[in-house]
Amino acid sequence: MLNGWEWWVEDMDVNNTTKDVLLLSYTAYTPMAIRILHKILQECRTLYPSIVRLAVAHRLGDVPVGGESVLIAVSSPHRRDALMAVAWVIDELKRRVPIWKLETYADGSVWKENPECQWRSMVPA
């Protein structure tokens, strides 16, 4: 019996107070990103062994204003484990997965980094 089923969806992340963001565009080193995402999911199952189902998806390419960029779904007989697993997965994804974000404004665009990212300042050219 499942008592905990958690969804977490990250809407387009616009934390820019000086300019209006028109679009986010994500790019990744896909083979490495998939490999690391699989490793994160395996580690999560070890940390939270009650997990029954676990899924994560991150969009690549253009994401319109208000669009979703990340989906994490976890099911477990224990609600707390599902909640903690979702939080752990998003933190690890932002820290370890090679996905980059380009913010586009009316007057140009800028590559953005996650503060958690372990390879900061290695954005694509």
PDB file of N, CA and C in Angstrom:
ATOM      1  N   MET A   1       0.841  -1.186   0.000  1.00  0.00           N
ATOM      2  CA  MET A   1       0.000   0.000   0.000  1.00  0.00           C
ATOM      3  C   MET A   1       0.886   1.249   0.000  1.00  0.00           C
ATOM      4  N   LEU A   2       0.557   2.173  -0.868  1.00  0.00           N
ATOM      5  CA  LEU A   2       1.316   3.415  -0.947  1.00  0.00           C
ATOM      6  C   LEU A   2       0.609   4.514  -0.166  1.00  0.00           C
ATOM      7  N   ASN A   3       1.314   5.059   0.801  1.00  0.00           N
ATOM      8  CA  ASN A   3       0.786   6.197   1.550  1.00  0.00           C
ATOM      9  C   ASN A   3       1.421   7.501   1.106  1.00  0.00           C
ATOM     10  N   GLY A   4       2.581   7.405   0.464  1.00  0.00           N
ATOM     11  CA  GLY A   4       3.284   8.607   0.039  1.00  0.00           C
ATOM     12  C   GLY A   4       3.506   8.614  -1.452  1.00  0.00           C
ATOM     13  N   TRP A   5       2.961   9.595  -2.119  1.00  0.00           N
ATOM     14  CA  TRP A   5       3.175   9.785  -3.548  1.00  0.00           C
ATOM     15  C   TRP A   5       3.440  11.261  -3.729  1.00  0.00           C
ATOM     16  N   GLU A   6       4.648  11.603  -4.069  1.00  0.00           N
ATOM     17  CA  GLU A   6       5.043  13.004  -4.172  1.00  0.00           C
ATOM     18  C   GLU A   6       5.428  13.358  -5.592  1.00  0.00           C
ATOM     19  N   TRP A   7       4.957  14.522  -6.022  1.00  0.00           N
ATOM     20  CA  TRP A   7       5.339  15.105  -7.302  1.00  0.00           C
ATOM     21  C   TRP A   7       6.024  16.415  -7.015  1.00  0.00           C
ATOM     22  N   TRP A   8       7.015  16.704  -7.772  1.00  0.00           N
ATOM     23  CA  TRP A   8       7.641  18.022  -7.678  1.00  0.00           C
ATOM     24  C   TRP A   8       7.879  18.477  -9.097  1.00  0.00           C
ATOM     25  N   VAL A   9       7.337  19.627  -9.437  1.00  0.00           N
ATOM     26  CA  VAL A   9       7.512  20.197 -10.762  1.00  0.00           C
ATOM     27  C   VAL A   9       8.113  21.574 -10.590  1.00  0.00           C
ATOM     28  N   GLU A  10       9.226  21.813 -11.270  1.00  0.00           N
ATOM     29  CA  GLU A  10       9.862  23.129 -11.197  1.00  0.00           C
ATOM     30  C   GLU A  10       9.416  23.937 -12.398  1.00  0.00           C
ATOM     31  N   ASP A  11       8.707  25.029 -12.120  1.00  0.00           N
ATOM     32  CA  ASP A  11       8.326  25.946 -13.187  1.00  0.00           C
ATOM     33  C   ASP A  11       9.558  26.697 -13.647  1.00  0.00           C
ATOM     34  N   MET A  12       9.443  27.308 -14.809  1.00  0.00           N
ATOM     35  CA  MET A  12      10.553  28.090 -15.342  1.00  0.00           C
ATOM     36  C   MET A  12      11.081  29.001 -14.253  1.00  0.00           C
ATOM     37  N   ASP A  13      12.346  28.846 -13.937  1.00  0.00           N
ATOM     38  CA  ASP A  13      12.989  29.537 -12.825  1.00  0.00           C
ATOM     39  C   ASP A  13      13.492  30.899 -13.284  1.00  0.00           C
ATOM     40  N   VAL A  14      12.775  31.943 -12.901  1.00  0.00           N
ATOM     41  CA  VAL A  14      13.165  33.301 -13.281  1.00  0.00           C
ATOM     42  C   VAL A  14      13.405  34.090 -12.003  1.00  0.00           C
ATOM     43  N   ASN A  15      14.670  34.145 -11.605  1.00  0.00           N
ATOM     44  CA  ASN A  15      15.050  34.869 -10.391  1.00  0.00           C
ATOM     45  C   ASN A  15      15.788  36.146 -10.747  1.00  0.00           C
ATOM     46  N   ASN A  16      15.392  36.758 -11.822  1.00  0.00           N
ATOM     47  CA  ASN A  16      16.058  37.967 -12.284  1.00  0.00           C
ATOM     48  C   ASN A  16      15.123  39.142 -12.031  1.00  0.00           C
ATOM     49  N   THR A  17      15.537  40.064 -11.191  1.00  0.00           N
ATOM     50  CA  THR A  17      14.662  41.184 -10.841  1.00  0.00           C
ATOM     51  C   THR A  17      14.936  42.421 -11.675  1.00  0.00           C
ATOM     52  N   THR A  18      15.988  42.409 -12.506  1.00  0.00           N
ATOM     53  CA  THR A  18      16.332  43.605 -13.269  1.00  0.00           C
ATOM     54  C   THR A  18      15.857  43.557 -14.715  1.00  0.00           C
ATOM     55  N   LYS A  19      15.600  42.361 -15.244  1.00  0.00           N
ATOM     56  CA  LYS A  19      15.169  42.225 -16.632  1.00  0.00           C
ATOM     57  C   LYS A  19      14.039  41.216 -16.730  1.00  0.00           C
ATOM     58  N   ASP A  20      13.183  41.394 -17.713  1.00  0.00           N
ATOM     59  CA  ASP A  20      12.135  40.413 -17.975  1.00  0.00           C
ATOM     60  C   ASP A  20      12.716  39.274 -18.794  1.00  0.00           C
ATOM     61  N   VAL A  21      12.605  38.057 -18.275  1.00  0.00           N
ATOM     62  CA  VAL A  21      13.075  36.878 -18.984  1.00  0.00           C
ATOM     63  C   VAL A  21      11.981  36.462 -19.965  1.00  0.00           C
ATOM     64  N   LEU A  22      12.354  36.331 -21.231  1.00  0.00           N
ATOM     65  CA  LEU A  22      11.404  35.941 -22.272  1.00  0.00           C
ATOM     66  C   LEU A  22      11.368  34.440 -22.487  1.00  0.00           C
ATOM     67  N   LEU A  23      12.512  33.795 -22.245  1.00  0.00           N
ATOM     68  CA  LEU A  23      12.637  32.377 -22.557  1.00  0.00           C
ATOM     69  C   LEU A  23      13.824  31.794 -21.814  1.00  0.00           C
ATOM     70  N   LEU A  24      13.697  30.542 -21.402  1.00  0.00           N
ATOM     71  CA  LEU A  24      14.840  29.779 -20.909  1.00  0.00           C
ATOM     72  C   LEU A  24      15.151  28.713 -21.943  1.00  0.00           C
ATOM     73  N   SER A  25      16.411  28.455 -22.129  1.00  0.00           N
ATOM     74  CA  SER A  25      16.821  27.388 -23.020  1.00  0.00           C
ATOM     75  C   SER A  25      17.851  26.535 -22.277  1.00  0.00           C
ATOM     76  N   TYR A  26      17.579  25.243 -22.215  1.00  0.00           N
ATOM     77  CA  TYR A  26      18.467  24.318 -21.513  1.00  0.00           C
ATOM     78  C   TYR A  26      19.263  23.499 -22.525  1.00  0.00           C
ATOM     79  N   THR A  27      20.525  23.268 -22.204  1.00  0.00           N
ATOM     80  CA  THR A  27      21.371  22.387 -22.984  1.00  0.00           C
ATOM     81  C   THR A  27      22.114  21.476 -22.017  1.00  0.00           C
ATOM     82  N   ALA A  28      22.541  20.340 -22.524  1.00  0.00           N
ATOM     83  CA  ALA A  28      23.190  19.365 -21.641  1.00  0.00           C
ATOM     84  C   ALA A  28      24.244  18.585 -22.396  1.00  0.00           C
ATOM     85  N   TYR A  29      25.155  18.033 -21.643  1.00  0.00           N
ATOM     86  CA  TYR A  29      26.018  16.979 -22.160  1.00  0.00           C
ATOM     87  C   TYR A  29      25.213  15.703 -21.893  1.00  0.00           C
ATOM     88  N   THR A  30      24.376  15.328 -22.851  1.00  0.00           N
ATOM     89  CA  THR A  30      23.325  14.336 -22.643  1.00  0.00           C
ATOM     90  C   THR A  30      23.817  12.969 -22.176  1.00  0.00           C
ATOM     91  N   PRO A  31      24.819  12.350 -22.807  1.00  0.00           N
ATOM     92  CA  PRO A  31      25.235  11.031 -22.324  1.00  0.00           C
ATOM     93  C   PRO A  31      25.663  11.054 -20.855  1.00  0.00           C
ATOM     94  N   MET A  32      26.414  12.085 -20.476  1.00  0.00           N
ATOM     95  CA  MET A  32      26.856  12.192 -19.089  1.00  0.00           C
ATOM     96  C   MET A  32      25.675  12.519 -18.171  1.00  0.00           C
ATOM     97  N   ALA A  33      24.769  13.390 -18.618  1.00  0.00           N
ATOM     98  CA  ALA A  33      23.605  13.756 -17.804  1.00  0.00           C
ATOM     99  C   ALA A  33      22.751  12.525 -17.497  1.00  0.00           C
ATOM    100  N   ILE A  34      22.519  11.688 -18.498  1.00  0.00           N
ATOM    101  CA  ILE A  34      21.713  10.475 -18.285  1.00  0.00           C
ATOM    102  C   ILE A  34      22.419   9.537 -17.312  1.00  0.00           C
ATOM    103  N   ARG A  35      23.716   9.357 -17.506  1.00  0.00           N
ATOM    104  CA  ARG A  35      24.496   8.484 -16.618  1.00  0.00           C
ATOM    105  C   ARG A  35      24.432   8.981 -15.165  1.00  0.00           C
ATOM    106  N   ILE A  36      24.580  10.275 -14.966  1.00  0.00           N
ATOM    107  CA  ILE A  36      24.560  10.832 -13.606  1.00  0.00           C
ATOM    108  C   ILE A  36      23.150  10.764 -13.020  1.00  0.00           C
ATOM    109  N   LEU A  37      22.130  11.032 -13.826  1.00  0.00           N
ATOM    110  CA  LEU A  37      20.750  10.912 -13.326  1.00  0.00           C
ATOM    111  C   LEU A  37      20.465   9.483 -12.864  1.00  0.00           C
ATOM    112  N   HIS A  38      20.909   8.487 -13.622  1.00  0.00           N
ATOM    113  CA  HIS A  38      20.714   7.088 -13.204  1.00  0.00           C
ATOM    114  C   HIS A  38      21.428   6.823 -11.885  1.00  0.00           C
ATOM    115  N   LYS A  39      22.641   7.344 -11.739  1.00  0.00           N
ATOM    116  CA  LYS A  39      23.397   7.164 -10.493  1.00  0.00           C
ATOM    117  C   LYS A  39      22.669   7.827  -9.320  1.00  0.00           C
ATOM    118  N   ILE A  40      22.140   9.020  -9.535  1.00  0.00           N
ATOM    119  CA  ILE A  40      21.387   9.729  -8.486  1.00  0.00           C
ATOM    120  C   ILE A  40      20.172   8.904  -8.065  1.00  0.00           C
ATOM    121  N   LEU A  41      19.456   8.336  -9.025  1.00  0.00           N
ATOM    122  CA  LEU A  41      18.280   7.525  -8.690  1.00  0.00           C
ATOM    123  C   LEU A  41      18.675   6.274  -7.919  1.00  0.00           C
ATOM    124  N   GLN A  42      19.785   5.639  -8.295  1.00  0.00           N
ATOM    125  CA  GLN A  42      20.268   4.461  -7.550  1.00  0.00           C
ATOM    126  C   GLN A  42      20.637   4.851  -6.116  1.00  0.00           C
ATOM    127  N   GLU A  43      21.346   5.964  -5.967  1.00  0.00           N
ATOM    128  CA  GLU A  43      21.734   6.426  -4.627  1.00  0.00           C
ATOM    129  C   GLU A  43      20.502   6.760  -3.793  1.00  0.00           C
ATOM    130  N   CYS A  44      19.500   7.349  -4.422  1.00  0.00           N
ATOM    131  CA  CYS A  44      18.275   7.702  -3.705  1.00  0.00           C
ATOM    132  C   CYS A  44      17.576   6.450  -3.174  1.00  0.00           C
ATOM    133  N   ARG A  45      17.534   5.417  -3.993  1.00  0.00           N
ATOM    134  CA  ARG A  45      16.911   4.155  -3.542  1.00  0.00           C
ATOM    135  C   ARG A  45      17.671   3.543  -2.365  1.00  0.00           C
ATOM    136  N   THR A  46      18.976   3.739  -2.313  1.00  0.00           N
ATOM    137  CA  THR A  46      19.776   3.249  -1.183  1.00  0.00           C
ATOM    138  C   THR A  46      19.484   4.066   0.073  1.00  0.00           C
ATOM    139  N   LEU A  47      19.394   5.390  -0.096  1.00  0.00           N
ATOM    140  CA  LEU A  47      19.111   6.270   1.044  1.00  0.00           C
ATOM    141  C   LEU A  47      17.697   6.091   1.586  1.00  0.00           C
ATOM    142  N   TYR A  48      16.749   5.830   0.700  1.00  0.00           N
ATOM    143  CA  TYR A  48      15.332   5.703   1.066  1.00  0.00           C
ATOM    144  C   TYR A  48      14.810   4.372   0.511  1.00  0.00           C
ATOM    145  N   PRO A  49      15.121   3.253   1.174  1.00  0.00           N
ATOM    146  CA  PRO A  49      14.804   1.929   0.634  1.00  0.00           C
ATOM    147  C   PRO A  49      13.306   1.621   0.529  1.00  0.00           C
ATOM    148  N   SER A  50      12.461   2.434   1.154  1.00  0.00           N
ATOM    149  CA  SER A  50      11.024   2.180   1.052  1.00  0.00           C
ATOM    150  C   SER A  50      10.435   2.671  -0.272  1.00  0.00           C
ATOM    151  N   ILE A  51      11.227   3.350  -1.089  1.00  0.00           N
ATOM    152  CA  ILE A  51      10.724   3.876  -2.366  1.00  0.00           C
ATOM    153  C   ILE A  51      10.281   2.729  -3.267  1.00  0.00           C
ATOM    154  N   VAL A  52       9.077   2.873  -3.810  1.00  0.00           N
ATOM    155  CA  VAL A  52       8.532   1.879  -4.736  1.00  0.00           C
ATOM    156  C   VAL A  52       8.806   2.302  -6.175  1.00  0.00           C
ATOM    157  N   ARG A  53       8.502   3.533  -6.509  1.00  0.00           N
ATOM    158  CA  ARG A  53       8.723   4.077  -7.850  1.00  0.00           C
ATOM    159  C   ARG A  53       9.430   5.422  -7.737  1.00  0.00           C
ATOM    160  N   LEU A  54      10.276   5.703  -8.745  1.00  0.00           N
ATOM    161  CA  LEU A  54      11.058   6.929  -8.741  1.00  0.00           C
ATOM    162  C   LEU A  54      11.310   7.324 -10.186  1.00  0.00           C
ATOM    163  N   ALA A  55      11.012   8.570 -10.531  1.00  0.00           N
ATOM    164  CA  ALA A  55      11.237   9.044 -11.894  1.00  0.00           C
ATOM    165  C   ALA A  55      11.660  10.503 -11.866  1.00  0.00           C
ATOM    166  N   VAL A  56      12.494  10.875 -12.846  1.00  0.00           N
ATOM    167  CA  VAL A  56      12.908  12.269 -12.983  1.00  0.00           C
ATOM    168  C   VAL A  56      13.014  12.580 -14.473  1.00  0.00           C
ATOM    169  N   ALA A  57      12.607  13.788 -14.835  1.00  0.00           N
ATOM    170  CA  ALA A  57      12.740  14.255 -16.216  1.00  0.00           C
ATOM    171  C   ALA A  57      13.132  15.725 -16.187  1.00  0.00           C
ATOM    172  N   HIS A  58      14.047  16.101 -17.062  1.00  0.00           N
ATOM    173  CA  HIS A  58      14.451  17.506 -17.196  1.00  0.00           C
ATOM    174  C   HIS A  58      14.334  17.860 -18.666  1.00  0.00           C
ATOM    175  N   ARG A  59      13.605  18.923 -18.956  1.00  0.00           N
ATOM    176  CA  ARG A  59      13.460  19.356 -20.344  1.00  0.00           C
ATOM    177  C   ARG A  59      14.761  19.953 -20.851  1.00  0.00           C
ATOM    178  N   LEU A  60      14.995  19.762 -22.134  1.00  0.00           N
ATOM    179  CA  LEU A  60      16.095  20.411 -22.829  1.00  0.00           C
ATOM    180  C   LEU A  60      15.499  21.243 -23.952  1.00  0.00           C
ATOM    181  N   GLY A  61      16.259  22.235 -24.392  1.00  0.00           N
ATOM    182  CA  GLY A  61      15.746  23.126 -25.421  1.00  0.00           C
ATOM    183  C   GLY A  61      15.001  24.289 -24.798  1.00  0.00           C
ATOM    184  N   ASP A  62      14.143  24.918 -25.590  1.00  0.00           N
ATOM    185  CA  ASP A  62      13.422  26.108 -25.133  1.00  0.00           C
ATOM    186  C   ASP A  62      12.266  25.757 -24.206  1.00  0.00           C
ATOM    187  N   VAL A  63      12.143  26.531 -23.133  1.00  0.00           N
ATOM    188  CA  VAL A  63      11.031  26.397 -22.196  1.00  0.00           C
ATOM    189  C   VAL A  63      10.370  27.774 -22.102  1.00  0.00           C
ATOM    190  N   PRO A  64       9.107  27.897 -22.489  1.00  0.00           N
ATOM    191  CA  PRO A  64       8.452  29.202 -22.461  1.00  0.00           C
ATOM    192  C   PRO A  64       8.206  29.691 -21.037  1.00  0.00           C
ATOM    193  N   VAL A  65       7.947  30.971 -20.916  1.00  0.00           N
ATOM    194  CA  VAL A  65       7.628  31.547 -19.602  1.00  0.00           C
ATOM    195  C   VAL A  65       6.460  30.769 -18.997  1.00  0.00           C
ATOM    196  N   GLY A  66       6.628  30.334 -17.758  1.00  0.00           N
ATOM    197  CA  GLY A  66       5.596  29.555 -17.065  1.00  0.00           C
ATOM    198  C   GLY A  66       5.667  28.069 -17.338  1.00  0.00           C
ATOM    199  N   GLY A  67       6.568  27.639 -18.209  1.00  0.00           N
ATOM    200  CA  GLY A  67       6.691  26.219 -18.525  1.00  0.00           C
ATOM    201  C   GLY A  67       7.443  25.461 -17.453  1.00  0.00           C
ATOM    202  N   GLU A  68       7.254  24.150 -17.423  1.00  0.00           N
ATOM    203  CA  GLU A  68       7.934  23.297 -16.449  1.00  0.00           C
ATOM    204  C   GLU A  68       9.261  22.841 -17.021  1.00  0.00           C
ATOM    205  N   SER A  69      10.282  22.832 -16.157  1.00  0.00           N
ATOM    206  CA  SER A  69      11.592  22.386 -16.613  1.00  0.00           C
ATOM    207  C   SER A  69      12.004  21.047 -15.994  1.00  0.00           C
ATOM    208  N   VAL A  70      11.526  20.741 -14.798  1.00  0.00           N
ATOM    209  CA  VAL A  70      11.910  19.499 -14.109  1.00  0.00           C
ATOM    210  C   VAL A  70      10.670  18.851 -13.509  1.00  0.00           C
ATOM    211  N   LEU A  71      10.606  17.521 -13.611  1.00  0.00           N
ATOM    212  CA  LEU A  71       9.554  16.738 -12.964  1.00  0.00           C
ATOM    213  C   LEU A  71      10.224  15.625 -12.184  1.00  0.00           C
ATOM    214  N   ILE A  72       9.858  15.494 -10.919  1.00  0.00           N
ATOM    215  CA  ILE A  72      10.330  14.389 -10.082  1.00  0.00           C
ATOM    216  C   ILE A  72       9.101  13.749  -9.463  1.00  0.00           C
ATOM    217  N   ALA A  73       9.005  12.427  -9.564  1.00  0.00           N
ATOM    218  CA  ALA A  73       7.884  11.694  -8.977  1.00  0.00           C
ATOM    219  C   ALA A  73       8.434  10.544  -8.141  1.00  0.00           C
ATOM    220  N   VAL A  74       7.918  10.404  -6.917  1.00  0.00           N
ATOM    221  CA  VAL A  74       8.364   9.359  -5.994  1.00  0.00           C
ATOM    222  C   VAL A  74       7.145   8.751  -5.318  1.00  0.00           C
ATOM    223  N   SER A  75       7.111   7.424  -5.238  1.00  0.00           N
ATOM    224  CA  SER A  75       6.066   6.753  -4.455  1.00  0.00           C
ATOM    225  C   SER A  75       6.732   5.875  -3.411  1.00  0.00           C
ATOM    226  N   SER A  76       6.087   5.817  -2.245  1.00  0.00           N
ATOM    227  CA  SER A  76       6.617   5.072  -1.113  1.00  0.00           C
ATOM    228  C   SER A  76       5.486   4.791  -0.134  1.00  0.00           C
ATOM    229  N   PRO A  77       5.575   3.710   0.643  1.00  0.00           N
ATOM    230  CA  PRO A  77       4.578   3.483   1.682  1.00  0.00           C
ATOM    231  C   PRO A  77       4.666   4.545   2.782  1.00  0.00           C
ATOM    232  N   HIS A  78       5.778   5.270   2.822  1.00  0.00           N
ATOM    233  CA  HIS A  78       5.995   6.266   3.869  1.00  0.00           C
ATOM    234  C   HIS A  78       6.112   7.655   3.255  1.00  0.00           C
ATOM    235  N   ARG A  79       5.175   8.510   3.567  1.00  0.00           N
ATOM    236  CA  ARG A  79       5.110   9.869   3.013  1.00  0.00           C
ATOM    237  C   ARG A  79       6.403  10.637   3.248  1.00  0.00           C
ATOM    238  N   ARG A  80       6.949  10.555   4.449  1.00  0.00           N
ATOM    239  CA  ARG A  80       8.170  11.307   4.768  1.00  0.00           C
ATOM    240  C   ARG A  80       9.326  10.898   3.852  1.00  0.00           C
ATOM    241  N   ASP A  81       9.471   9.586   3.595  1.00  0.00           N
ATOM    242  CA  ASP A  81      10.527   9.137   2.688  1.00  0.00           C
ATOM    243  C   ASP A  81      10.334   9.709   1.289  1.00  0.00           C
ATOM    244  N   ALA A  82       9.092   9.749   0.812  1.00  0.00           N
ATOM    245  CA  ALA A  82       8.822  10.299  -0.519  1.00  0.00           C
ATOM    246  C   ALA A  82       9.181  11.787  -0.563  1.00  0.00           C
ATOM    247  N   LEU A  83       8.799  12.527   0.464  1.00  0.00           N
ATOM    248  CA  LEU A  83       9.118  13.961   0.514  1.00  0.00           C
ATOM    249  C   LEU A  83      10.625  14.194   0.569  1.00  0.00           C
ATOM    250  N   MET A  84      11.312  13.451   1.399  1.00  0.00           N
ATOM    251  CA  MET A  84      12.758  13.624   1.545  1.00  0.00           C
ATOM    252  C   MET A  84      13.491  13.201   0.273  1.00  0.00           C
ATOM    253  N   ALA A  85      13.000  12.161  -0.388  1.00  0.00           N
ATOM    254  CA  ALA A  85      13.627  11.700  -1.624  1.00  0.00           C
ATOM    255  C   ALA A  85      13.505  12.757  -2.718  1.00  0.00           C
ATOM    256  N   VAL A  86      12.344  13.375  -2.846  1.00  0.00           N
ATOM    257  CA  VAL A  86      12.164  14.428  -3.848  1.00  0.00           C
ATOM    258  C   VAL A  86      13.144  15.571  -3.600  1.00  0.00           C
ATOM    259  N   ALA A  87      13.249  16.009  -2.358  1.00  0.00           N
ATOM    260  CA  ALA A  87      14.166  17.105  -2.024  1.00  0.00           C
ATOM    261  C   ALA A  87      15.616  16.711  -2.313  1.00  0.00           C
ATOM    262  N   TRP A  88      15.978  15.495  -1.969  1.00  0.00           N
ATOM    263  CA  TRP A  88      17.345  15.047  -2.188  1.00  0.00           C
ATOM    264  C   TRP A  88      17.665  14.971  -3.688  1.00  0.00           C
ATOM    265  N   VAL A  89      16.731  14.435  -4.483  1.00  0.00           N
ATOM    266  CA  VAL A  89      16.969  14.291  -5.919  1.00  0.00           C
ATOM    267  C   VAL A  89      17.150  15.655  -6.587  1.00  0.00           C
ATOM    268  N   ILE A  90      16.302  16.642  -6.287  1.00  0.00           N
ATOM    269  CA  ILE A  90      16.455  17.940  -6.953  1.00  0.00           C
ATOM    270  C   ILE A  90      17.762  18.608  -6.537  1.00  0.00           C
ATOM    271  N   ASP A  91      18.128  18.483  -5.278  1.00  0.00           N
ATOM    272  CA  ASP A  91      19.402  19.067  -4.835  1.00  0.00           C
ATOM    273  C   ASP A  91      20.582  18.427  -5.561  1.00  0.00           C
ATOM    274  N   GLU A  92      20.579  17.121  -5.694  1.00  0.00           N
ATOM    275  CA  GLU A  92      21.669  16.424  -6.372  1.00  0.00           C
ATOM    276  C   GLU A  92      21.668  16.719  -7.873  1.00  0.00           C
ATOM    277  N   LEU A  93      20.496  16.785  -8.470  1.00  0.00           N
ATOM    278  CA  LEU A  93      20.403  17.121  -9.889  1.00  0.00           C
ATOM    279  C   LEU A  93      21.047  18.485 -10.148  1.00  0.00           C
ATOM    280  N   LYS A  94      20.683  19.472  -9.360  1.00  0.00           N
ATOM    281  CA  LYS A  94      21.224  20.827  -9.547  1.00  0.00           C
ATOM    282  C   LYS A  94      22.721  20.879  -9.263  1.00  0.00           C
ATOM    283  N   ARG A  95      23.194  20.028  -8.381  1.00  0.00           N
ATOM    284  CA  ARG A  95      24.607  20.033  -8.000  1.00  0.00           C
ATOM    285  C   ARG A  95      25.481  19.270  -8.986  1.00  0.00           C
ATOM    286  N   ARG A  96      24.970  18.166  -9.561  1.00  0.00           N
ATOM    287  CA  ARG A  96      25.842  17.233 -10.277  1.00  0.00           C
ATOM    288  C   ARG A  96      25.574  17.041 -11.767  1.00  0.00           C
ATOM    289  N   VAL A  97      24.381  17.296 -12.235  1.00  0.00           N
ATOM    290  CA  VAL A  97      24.039  16.953 -13.624  1.00  0.00           C
ATOM    291  C   VAL A  97      24.448  18.087 -14.572  1.00  0.00           C
ATOM    292  N   PRO A  98      25.177  17.756 -15.658  1.00  0.00           N
ATOM    293  CA  PRO A  98      25.660  18.782 -16.581  1.00  0.00           C
ATOM    294  C   PRO A  98      24.558  19.310 -17.507  1.00  0.00           C
ATOM    295  N   ILE A  99      23.718  20.171 -16.937  1.00  0.00           N
ATOM    296  CA  ILE A  99      22.662  20.856 -17.683  1.00  0.00           C
ATOM    297  C   ILE A  99      22.857  22.343 -17.445  1.00  0.00           C
ATOM    298  N   TRP A 100      22.845  23.111 -18.543  1.00  0.00           N
ATOM    299  CA  TRP A 100      23.059  24.556 -18.445  1.00  0.00           C
ATOM    300  C   TRP A 100      21.816  25.308 -18.905  1.00  0.00           C
ATOM    301  N   LYS A 101      21.648  26.517 -18.364  1.00  0.00           N
ATOM    302  CA  LYS A 101      20.458  27.329 -18.622  1.00  0.00           C
ATOM    303  C   LYS A 101      20.860  28.663 -19.238  1.00  0.00           C
ATOM    304  N   LEU A 102      20.225  29.003 -20.362  1.00  0.00           N
ATOM    305  CA  LEU A 102      20.429  30.280 -21.025  1.00  0.00           C
ATOM    306  C   LEU A 102      19.165  31.112 -20.850  1.00  0.00           C
ATOM    307  N   GLU A 103      19.298  32.271 -20.195  1.00  0.00           N
ATOM    308  CA  GLU A 103      18.160  33.189 -20.042  1.00  0.00           C
ATOM    309  C   GLU A 103      18.192  34.189 -21.189  1.00  0.00           C
ATOM    310  N   THR A 104      17.063  34.341 -21.876  1.00  0.00           N
ATOM    311  CA  THR A 104      16.958  35.275 -22.993  1.00  0.00           C
ATOM    312  C   THR A 104      16.076  36.441 -22.589  1.00  0.00           C
ATOM    313  N   TYR A 105      16.573  37.655 -22.860  1.00  0.00           N
ATOM    314  CA  TYR A 105      15.867  38.902 -22.568  1.00  0.00           C
ATOM    315  C   TYR A 105      15.635  39.639 -23.887  1.00  0.00           C
ATOM    316  N   ALA A 106      14.919  40.725 -23.851  1.00  0.00           N
ATOM    317  CA  ALA A 106      14.678  41.529 -25.056  1.00  0.00           C
ATOM    318  C   ALA A 106      15.992  42.055 -25.634  1.00  0.00           C
ATOM    319  N   ASP A 107      16.982  42.284 -24.769  1.00  0.00           N
ATOM    320  CA  ASP A 107      18.240  42.886 -25.230  1.00  0.00           C
ATOM    321  C   ASP A 107      19.424  41.911 -25.240  1.00  0.00           C
ATOM    322  N   GLY A 108      19.162  40.618 -25.241  1.00  0.00           N
ATOM    323  CA  GLY A 108      20.255  39.652 -25.292  1.00  0.00           C
ATOM    324  C   GLY A 108      20.009  38.450 -24.404  1.00  0.00           C
ATOM    325  N   SER A 109      21.074  37.702 -24.121  1.00  0.00           N
ATOM    326  CA  SER A 109      20.934  36.509 -23.287  1.00  0.00           C
ATOM    327  C   SER A 109      22.183  36.298 -22.452  1.00  0.00           C
ATOM    328  N   VAL A 110      22.013  35.520 -21.360  1.00  0.00           N
ATOM    329  CA  VAL A 110      23.099  35.258 -20.409  1.00  0.00           C
ATOM    330  C   VAL A 110      22.993  33.813 -19.935  1.00  0.00           C
ATOM    331  N   TRP A 111      24.150  33.116 -19.889  1.00  0.00           N
ATOM    332  CA  TRP A 111      24.197  31.776 -19.296  1.00  0.00           C
ATOM    333  C   TRP A 111      24.126  31.935 -17.776  1.00  0.00           C
ATOM    334  N   LYS A 112      23.298  31.121 -17.127  1.00  0.00           N
ATOM    335  CA  LYS A 112      23.126  31.162 -15.668  1.00  0.00           C
ATOM    336  C   LYS A 112      23.637  29.870 -15.053  1.00  0.00           C
ATOM    337  N   GLU A 113      24.151  29.986 -13.843  1.00  0.00           N
ATOM    338  CA  GLU A 113      24.633  28.826 -13.087  1.00  0.00           C
ATOM    339  C   GLU A 113      23.756  28.606 -11.867  1.00  0.00           C
ATOM    340  N   ASN A 114      23.616  27.359 -11.468  1.00  0.00           N
ATOM    341  CA  ASN A 114      23.014  27.063 -10.174  1.00  0.00           C
ATOM    342  C   ASN A 114      24.077  27.292  -9.112  1.00  0.00           C
ATOM    343  N   PRO A 115      23.745  27.972  -8.026  1.00  0.00           N
ATOM    344  CA  PRO A 115      24.738  28.165  -6.965  1.00  0.00           C
ATOM    345  C   PRO A 115      25.256  26.840  -6.404  1.00  0.00           C
ATOM    346  N   GLU A 116      24.442  25.773  -6.498  1.00  0.00           N
ATOM    347  CA  GLU A 116      24.826  24.464  -5.972  1.00  0.00           C
ATOM    348  C   GLU A 116      25.787  23.718  -6.888  1.00  0.00           C
ATOM    349  N   CYS A 117      25.916  24.138  -8.122  1.00  0.00           N
ATOM    350  CA  CYS A 117      26.660  23.408  -9.146  1.00  0.00           C
ATOM    351  C   CYS A 117      28.124  23.217  -8.760  1.00  0.00           C
ATOM    352  N   GLN A 118      28.603  21.968  -8.860  1.00  0.00           N
ATOM    353  CA  GLN A 118      29.973  21.682  -8.443  1.00  0.00           C
ATOM    354  C   GLN A 118      31.012  22.051  -9.492  1.00  0.00           C
ATOM    355  N   TRP A 119      30.611  22.428 -10.696  1.00  0.00           N
ATOM    356  CA  TRP A 119      31.585  22.855 -11.714  1.00  0.00           C
ATOM    357  C   TRP A 119      31.317  24.293 -12.141  1.00  0.00           C
ATOM    358  N   ARG A 120      30.940  25.136 -11.213  1.00  0.00           N
ATOM    359  CA  ARG A 120      30.629  26.540 -11.513  1.00  0.00           C
ATOM    360  C   ARG A 120      31.649  27.173 -12.460  1.00  0.00           C
ATOM    361  N   SER A 121      31.163  28.056 -13.269  1.00  0.00           N
ATOM    362  CA  SER A 121      31.941  28.819 -14.256  1.00  0.00           C
ATOM    363  C   SER A 121      32.445  27.971 -15.422  1.00  0.00           C
ATOM    364  N   MET A 122      31.883  26.801 -15.623  1.00  0.00           N
ATOM    365  CA  MET A 122      32.238  25.989 -16.780  1.00  0.00           C
ATOM    366  C   MET A 122      31.059  25.937 -17.744  1.00  0.00           C
ATOM    367  N   VAL A 123      30.393  27.068 -17.971  1.00  0.00           N
ATOM    368  CA  VAL A 123      29.243  27.116 -18.870  1.00  0.00           C
ATOM    369  C   VAL A 123      29.725  27.000 -20.306  1.00  0.00           C
ATOM    370  N   PRO A 124      28.857  26.531 -21.231  1.00  0.00           N
ATOM    371  CA  PRO A 124      29.276  26.374 -22.621  1.00  0.00           C
ATOM    372  C   PRO A 124      29.632  27.718 -23.259  1.00  0.00           C
ATOM    373  N   ALA A 125      30.494  27.672 -24.250  1.00  0.00           N
ATOM    374  CA  ALA A 125      30.910  28.890 -24.963  1.00  0.00           C
ATOM    375  C   ALA A 125      29.870  29.293 -25.979  1.00  0.00           C
TER     376      ALA A 125
END
